[in-house]
Amino acid sequence: MGKNKILTNIEESYDELRYKTSWPTKKQLVKSAIIVMIASVIIALVIFVMDQVVDNLMHFIYSLKG
């Protein structure tokens, strides 16, 4: 009985992926990938700048004590 239920679930999942899911075109995938890459670079740059600011601030603060 458990095997039959598993096979039914697999068949239903396949049918849903095959007939009810709308898959993006290659052009849409490329456009989305480019957007994700650009956003990733921007976020990385923002984090880098914030890290540099905090690093310089800490060096400045510790240089005053010494």
Protein backbone atom coordinates (compact mmCIF):
# COMPACT_ATOMS: atom_id res chain seq x y z
CA MET A 1 0.00 0.00 0.00
CA GLY A 2 2.87 2.42 0.77
CA LYS A 3 4.53 1.78 -2.60
CA ASN A 4 1.32 2.51 -4.46
CA LYS A 5 0.93 5.85 -2.66
CA ILE A 6 4.52 6.83 -3.44
CA LEU A 7 4.08 5.97 -7.12
CA THR A 8 0.82 7.94 -7.23
CA ASN A 9 2.56 10.96 -5.69
CA ILE A 10 5.41 10.73 -8.20
CA GLU A 11 2.97 10.45 -11.10
CA GLU A 12 0.93 13.44 -9.88
CA SER A 13 4.09 15.50 -9.41
CA TYR A 14 5.26 14.64 -12.91
CA ASP A 15 1.88 15.54 -14.40
CA GLU A 16 1.86 18.87 -12.59
CA LEU A 17 5.39 19.73 -13.70
CA ARG A 18 4.70 18.60 -17.27
CA TYR A 19 1.26 20.06 -17.90
CA LYS A 20 0.46 22.72 -15.29
CA THR A 21 3.76 24.54 -14.86
CA SER A 22 4.71 27.40 -17.14
CA TRP A 23 8.44 27.28 -17.76
CA PRO A 24 10.37 30.47 -18.63
CA THR A 25 11.92 30.91 -22.04
CA LYS A 26 15.68 31.03 -22.54
CA LYS A 27 15.48 34.80 -23.03
CA GLN A 28 13.63 35.21 -19.71
CA LEU A 29 16.18 33.01 -17.92
CA VAL A 30 19.12 34.98 -19.29
CA LYS A 31 17.47 38.28 -18.33
CA SER A 32 16.76 37.02 -14.80
CA ALA A 33 20.31 35.69 -14.43
CA ILE A 34 21.79 39.03 -15.47
CA ILE A 35 19.56 40.88 -13.00
CA VAL A 36 20.64 38.52 -10.21
CA MET A 37 24.32 38.95 -11.09
CA ILE A 38 24.05 42.75 -11.15
CA ALA A 39 22.19 42.78 -7.83
CA SER A 40 24.81 40.46 -6.31
CA VAL A 41 27.65 42.73 -7.42
CA ILE A 42 25.89 45.81 -6.04
CA ILE A 43 25.23 44.13 -2.68
CA ALA A 44 28.85 42.91 -2.54
CA LEU A 45 30.11 46.44 -3.22
CA VAL A 46 27.86 47.90 -0.52
CA ILE A 47 29.11 45.34 2.00
CA PHE A 48 32.72 45.99 0.95
CA VAL A 49 32.33 49.75 1.41
CA MET A 50 30.66 49.29 4.81
CA ASP A 51 33.47 46.95 5.88
CA GLN A 52 36.11 49.45 4.81
CA VAL A 53 34.38 52.29 6.68
CA VAL A 54 34.14 50.25 9.88
CA ASP A 55 37.75 49.07 9.50
CA ASN A 56 39.04 52.62 9.06
CA LEU A 57 36.89 53.85 11.94
CA MET A 58 38.26 51.14 14.23
CA HIS A 59 41.84 51.90 13.22
CA PHE A 60 41.19 55.58 13.93
CA ILE A 61 39.63 54.87 17.35
CA TYR A 62 42.46 52.52 18.40
CA SER A 63 45.12 54.95 17.18
CA LEU A 64 43.75 57.61 19.57
CA LYS A 65 44.22 55.32 22.61
CA GLY A 66 47.79 54.38 21.80
